[in-house]
Amino acid sequence: MKITTTETIAGRLVEETLGVVRGSALWSRSILKFDRDSMCGISNGTIEEMSDGLQLAKDDAEAKAMNQATALGADAIINIRFELMELSSGLFQAAATGTAVKTSSLQSALPIMALADNDDDRDVSYVPKMAQPNLRLVSSMMH
């Protein structure tokens, strides 16, 4: 599944908008340490552990949004946004929100060649224009 923070995906055309998808995950910086099945203390962890934990929460939120998009029949999520919030001292929430869409592949752009000259100036061959993709124009004007 393609996921992007933009409204478009290079080489693809959005055919159908299926709806908004969301995912969230919680992470706490206070990590309980266990020693042989008993709690031995609480640690706030290092900056690196915090960064890794928040990245893991973001990845979990993105995976939940992807699961929702897959259930809707989407092959991509566009305009995905991530948000990290501290809910209380040391408790964080990562949220991912985007738009699930169905896309289709655009034909690759080929140069249009009008004339191909031969050595003989009297014999000029015409090369047909390549098929152009059918694009639908969507009006953004409100009526």
Protein backbone atom coordinates (compact mmCIF):
# COMPACT_ATOMS: atom_id res chain seq x y z
CA MET A 1 0.00 0.00 0.00
CA LYS A 2 1.29 3.45 -0.91
CA ILE A 3 1.16 6.08 1.83
CA THR A 4 1.92 9.74 1.25
CA THR A 5 1.57 13.09 2.98
CA THR A 6 0.65 14.72 -0.34
CA GLU A 7 -2.64 14.79 -2.27
CA THR A 8 -1.20 12.83 -5.20
CA ILE A 9 1.00 9.82 -5.84
CA ALA A 10 3.49 10.09 -8.70
CA GLY A 11 2.42 7.97 -11.66
CA ARG A 12 -1.03 7.21 -10.20
CA LEU A 13 -4.47 8.74 -10.58
CA VAL A 14 -6.96 8.80 -7.70
CA GLU A 15 -10.07 7.03 -8.99
CA GLU A 16 -12.20 6.83 -5.85
CA THR A 17 -12.15 8.30 -2.34
CA LEU A 18 -13.19 5.69 0.21
CA GLY A 19 -13.07 7.68 3.44
CA VAL A 20 -10.98 8.87 6.35
CA VAL A 21 -8.86 6.31 8.18
CA ARG A 22 -7.38 6.73 11.65
CA GLY A 23 -5.04 4.88 13.92
CA SER A 24 -3.66 5.63 17.36
CA ALA A 25 -1.24 4.07 19.81
CA LEU A 26 -0.13 4.87 23.34
CA TRP A 27 3.42 4.85 24.68
CA SER A 28 4.75 5.57 28.15
CA ARG A 29 8.25 6.76 28.93
CA SER A 30 8.06 5.26 32.41
CA ILE A 31 9.22 1.73 31.81
CA LEU A 32 8.69 -0.93 34.44
CA LYS A 33 11.83 -3.02 34.87
CA PHE A 34 11.39 -6.67 35.81
CA ASP A 35 13.96 -8.98 37.31
CA ARG A 36 13.06 -12.69 37.43
CA ASP A 37 9.30 -12.07 37.36
CA SER A 38 9.30 -9.35 40.01
CA MET A 39 9.24 -5.59 39.56
CA CYS A 40 12.48 -4.01 40.64
CA GLY A 41 11.91 -0.37 39.73
CA ILE A 42 10.64 2.32 37.41
CA SER A 43 12.91 4.01 34.92
CA ASN A 44 12.31 7.11 32.82
CA GLY A 45 14.66 5.80 30.15
CA THR A 46 17.10 7.67 27.96
CA ILE A 47 16.39 10.15 25.17
CA GLU A 48 17.21 7.43 22.63
CA GLU A 49 14.73 5.03 24.26
CA MET A 50 12.10 7.78 24.23
CA SER A 51 12.74 8.51 20.55
CA ASP A 52 12.55 4.82 19.67
CA GLY A 53 9.35 4.40 21.72
CA LEU A 54 7.63 7.35 20.05
CA GLN A 55 8.68 6.06 16.61
CA LEU A 56 7.23 2.65 17.50
CA ALA A 57 3.96 4.30 18.57
CA LYS A 58 3.84 6.27 15.29
CA ASP A 59 4.46 3.08 13.30
CA ASP A 60 1.70 1.28 15.24
CA ALA A 61 -0.74 4.14 14.54
CA GLU A 62 0.16 4.06 10.83
CA ALA A 63 -0.35 0.26 10.73
CA LYS A 64 -3.83 0.63 12.27
CA ALA A 65 -4.76 3.27 9.65
CA MET A 66 -3.44 0.91 6.93
CA ASN A 67 -5.58 -1.95 8.27
CA GLN A 68 -8.68 0.29 8.09
CA ALA A 69 -7.79 1.34 4.54
CA THR A 70 -7.30 -2.29 3.48
CA ALA A 71 -10.69 -3.19 4.96
CA LEU A 72 -12.25 -0.42 2.82
CA GLY A 73 -10.58 -1.84 -0.32
CA ALA A 74 -8.04 0.98 -0.69
CA ASP A 75 -4.65 0.63 -2.30
CA ALA A 76 -3.28 3.93 -0.97
CA ILE A 77 -3.59 6.52 1.78
CA ILE A 78 -3.10 10.15 0.82
CA ASN A 79 -2.77 13.27 2.99
CA ILE A 80 -1.67 11.24 6.00
CA ARG A 81 -0.88 13.35 9.06
CA PHE A 82 0.84 12.32 12.27
CA GLU A 83 0.30 13.84 15.66
CA LEU A 84 2.10 13.18 18.94
CA MET A 85 0.41 14.32 22.14
CA GLU A 86 1.42 14.03 25.77
CA LEU A 87 -1.72 12.94 27.60
CA SER A 88 -0.21 13.05 31.07
CA SER A 89 3.24 13.06 32.58
CA GLY A 90 5.13 10.52 30.49
CA LEU A 91 2.11 9.06 28.63
CA PHE A 92 2.04 9.82 24.90
CA GLN A 93 -0.43 9.16 22.11
CA ALA A 94 0.55 8.89 18.46
CA ALA A 95 -2.26 9.40 15.94
CA ALA A 96 -2.28 8.90 12.17
CA THR A 97 -5.12 10.27 10.01
CA GLY A 98 -5.41 10.08 6.23
CA THR A 99 -7.72 9.50 3.26
CA ALA A 100 -8.12 5.98 1.90
CA VAL A 101 -8.31 5.92 -1.91
CA LYS A 102 -8.33 3.60 -4.90
CA THR A 103 -5.82 4.55 -7.58
CA SER A 104 -4.95 3.49 -11.09
CA SER A 105 -1.65 3.60 -12.88
CA LEU A 106 -0.99 6.35 -15.41
CA GLN A 107 0.69 5.42 -18.66
CA SER A 108 4.26 6.55 -18.63
CA ALA A 109 4.79 9.74 -20.53
CA LEU A 110 6.44 9.19 -23.90
CA PRO A 111 7.80 11.93 -26.14
CA ILE A 112 5.52 12.80 -29.06
CA MET A 113 7.33 12.51 -32.35
CA ALA A 114 5.76 14.18 -35.36
CA LEU A 115 8.32 13.56 -38.11
CA ALA A 116 11.15 11.13 -38.65
CA ASP A 117 13.42 12.21 -41.50
CA ASN A 118 15.16 9.65 -43.67
CA ASP A 119 18.25 10.22 -45.74
CA ASP A 120 16.00 10.83 -48.74
CA ASP A 121 14.30 14.23 -48.35
CA ARG A 122 11.42 13.10 -50.56
CA ASP A 123 10.48 10.22 -48.21
CA VAL A 124 9.29 11.59 -44.89
CA SER A 125 7.72 9.06 -42.56
CA TYR A 126 5.13 10.11 -40.06
CA VAL A 127 5.26 8.47 -36.68
CA PRO A 128 1.85 8.34 -35.01
CA LYS A 129 1.37 10.12 -31.70
CA MET A 130 1.40 7.81 -28.72
CA ALA A 131 -1.86 7.21 -26.89
CA GLN A 132 -2.38 9.76 -24.18
CA PRO A 133 -3.93 8.70 -20.85
CA ASN A 134 -7.56 9.58 -20.41
CA LEU A 135 -7.70 12.08 -17.59
CA ARG A 136 -10.87 13.35 -16.05
CA LEU A 137 -11.04 17.01 -15.18
CA VAL A 138 -12.51 17.68 -11.78
CA SER A 139 -13.93 21.11 -11.09
CA SER A 140 -13.09 22.57 -7.74
CA MET A 141 -15.76 25.23 -8.12
CA MET A 142 -18.74 25.00 -5.83
CA HIS A 143 -22.17 25.53 -7.33
